[in-house]
Amino acid sequence: MPSVDEGAAENPDIVMTQNPDTFMQIFLGMTDSMTAIQEGDIQAQGTENMMTYDAIFPPLASGKEILMMEGAPLD
């Protein structure tokens, strides 16, 4: 089962850097992870394991509601 950990891992399958806006666009189904990499919005090492990203962070299912955390800014 894929997992997510912040910080350095001993032997990671994939290492990526992205901003919160990119994460939300993927989560909301506005783009996909491969497009984000191709456009430079995600910097990734180990892209041969990119399916791991989609398994860990699947897009929001159609019709689902996003719950905001209390105190989260609404931009």
C-alpha atoms as a PDB file:
ATOM      1  CA  MET A   1       0.000   0.000   0.000  1.00  0.00           C
ATOM      2  CA  PRO A   2       1.491   3.379  -0.978  1.00  0.00           C
ATOM      3  CA  SER A   3       2.043   5.885   1.783  1.00  0.00           C
ATOM      4  CA  VAL A   4       3.007   9.534   2.174  1.00  0.00           C
ATOM      5  CA  ASP A   5       5.654  10.825   4.547  1.00  0.00           C
ATOM      6  CA  GLU A   6       7.029  14.324   4.849  1.00  0.00           C
ATOM      7  CA  GLY A   7      10.791  14.627   4.883  1.00  0.00           C
ATOM      8  CA  ALA A   8      13.545  12.286   3.760  1.00  0.00           C
ATOM      9  CA  ALA A   9      12.852   8.599   3.179  1.00  0.00           C
ATOM     10  CA  GLU A  10      15.562   5.968   3.085  1.00  0.00           C
ATOM     11  CA  ASN A  11      14.591   4.580  -0.336  1.00  0.00           C
ATOM     12  CA  PRO A  12      11.599   6.465  -1.831  1.00  0.00           C
ATOM     13  CA  ASP A  13       9.712   5.286  -4.919  1.00  0.00           C
ATOM     14  CA  ILE A  14       9.012   8.854  -5.984  1.00  0.00           C
ATOM     15  CA  VAL A  15       9.998  12.285  -4.708  1.00  0.00           C
ATOM     16  CA  MET A  16       7.971  15.305  -5.767  1.00  0.00           C
ATOM     17  CA  THR A  17       7.571  18.965  -5.030  1.00  0.00           C
ATOM     18  CA  GLN A  18       4.446  20.949  -5.835  1.00  0.00           C
ATOM     19  CA  ASN A  19       2.570  23.935  -4.500  1.00  0.00           C
ATOM     20  CA  PRO A  20      -0.841  23.647  -2.807  1.00  0.00           C
ATOM     21  CA  ASP A  21      -2.647  25.111  -5.835  1.00  0.00           C
ATOM     22  CA  THR A  22      -1.337  22.340  -8.080  1.00  0.00           C
ATOM     23  CA  PHE A  23      -2.348  19.705  -5.532  1.00  0.00           C
ATOM     24  CA  MET A  24      -5.895  21.120  -5.373  1.00  0.00           C
ATOM     25  CA  GLN A  25      -6.195  21.318  -9.180  1.00  0.00           C
ATOM     26  CA  ILE A  26      -5.315  17.610  -9.390  1.00  0.00           C
ATOM     27  CA  PHE A  27      -7.571  16.736  -6.450  1.00  0.00           C
ATOM     28  CA  LEU A  28     -10.495  18.600  -8.036  1.00  0.00           C
ATOM     29  CA  GLY A  29      -9.911  16.905 -11.395  1.00  0.00           C
ATOM     30  CA  MET A  30      -9.002  20.171 -13.122  1.00  0.00           C
ATOM     31  CA  THR A  31      -5.732  18.613 -14.339  1.00  0.00           C
ATOM     32  CA  ASP A  32      -3.871  15.336 -13.876  1.00  0.00           C
ATOM     33  CA  SER A  33      -0.484  14.535 -12.384  1.00  0.00           C
ATOM     34  CA  MET A  34       1.247  13.775 -15.705  1.00  0.00           C
ATOM     35  CA  THR A  35       0.079  17.059 -17.235  1.00  0.00           C
ATOM     36  CA  ALA A  36       1.277  18.919 -14.142  1.00  0.00           C
ATOM     37  CA  ILE A  37       4.728  17.317 -14.497  1.00  0.00           C
ATOM     38  CA  GLN A  38       4.888  18.105 -18.223  1.00  0.00           C
ATOM     39  CA  GLU A  39       3.968  21.739 -17.529  1.00  0.00           C
ATOM     40  CA  GLY A  40       6.561  21.999 -14.733  1.00  0.00           C
ATOM     41  CA  ASP A  41       4.000  22.393 -11.941  1.00  0.00           C
ATOM     42  CA  ILE A  42       5.297  19.238 -10.225  1.00  0.00           C
ATOM     43  CA  GLN A  43       9.001  18.521  -9.989  1.00  0.00           C
ATOM     44  CA  ALA A  44       9.410  14.745  -9.685  1.00  0.00           C
ATOM     45  CA  GLN A  45      12.171  12.189  -9.394  1.00  0.00           C
ATOM     46  CA  GLY A  46      11.153   8.599 -10.072  1.00  0.00           C
ATOM     47  CA  THR A  47       8.444   9.440 -12.605  1.00  0.00           C
ATOM     48  CA  GLU A  48       8.353   5.787 -13.664  1.00  0.00           C
ATOM     49  CA  ASN A  49       6.399   5.355 -10.404  1.00  0.00           C
ATOM     50  CA  MET A  50       3.935   8.167 -11.139  1.00  0.00           C
ATOM     51  CA  MET A  51       0.977   5.816 -10.839  1.00  0.00           C
ATOM     52  CA  THR A  52       1.829   5.791  -7.118  1.00  0.00           C
ATOM     53  CA  TYR A  53       0.865   9.485  -7.002  1.00  0.00           C
ATOM     54  CA  ASP A  54      -2.528   8.787  -8.520  1.00  0.00           C
ATOM     55  CA  ALA A  55      -3.084   5.900  -6.076  1.00  0.00           C
ATOM     56  CA  ILE A  56      -2.252   8.061  -3.055  1.00  0.00           C
ATOM     57  CA  PHE A  57      -4.035  11.220  -4.227  1.00  0.00           C
ATOM     58  CA  PRO A  58      -6.996  10.161  -6.380  1.00  0.00           C
ATOM     59  CA  PRO A  59      -9.053  12.988  -7.879  1.00  0.00           C
ATOM     60  CA  LEU A  60     -12.210  13.991  -6.032  1.00  0.00           C
ATOM     61  CA  ALA A  61     -15.144  11.876  -7.179  1.00  0.00           C
ATOM     62  CA  SER A  62     -17.777  13.784  -9.097  1.00  0.00           C
ATOM     63  CA  GLY A  63     -20.547  15.107  -6.890  1.00  0.00           C
ATOM     64  CA  LYS A  64     -18.477  14.983  -3.685  1.00  0.00           C
ATOM     65  CA  GLU A  65     -18.365  18.022  -1.433  1.00  0.00           C
ATOM     66  CA  ILE A  66     -15.109  19.518  -0.171  1.00  0.00           C
ATOM     67  CA  LEU A  67     -15.139  20.157   3.554  1.00  0.00           C
ATOM     68  CA  MET A  68     -13.139  23.197   4.634  1.00  0.00           C
ATOM     69  CA  MET A  69     -11.100  23.091   7.808  1.00  0.00           C
ATOM     70  CA  GLU A  70     -12.181  25.594  10.432  1.00  0.00           C
ATOM     71  CA  GLY A  71     -10.199  28.792   9.995  1.00  0.00           C
ATOM     72  CA  ALA A  72      -9.017  27.880   6.490  1.00  0.00           C
ATOM     73  CA  PRO A  73      -8.831  30.909   4.193  1.00  0.00           C
ATOM     74  CA  LEU A  74     -11.373  31.097   1.395  1.00  0.00           C
ATOM     75  CA  ASP A  75      -9.612  32.564  -1.639  1.00  0.00           C
END
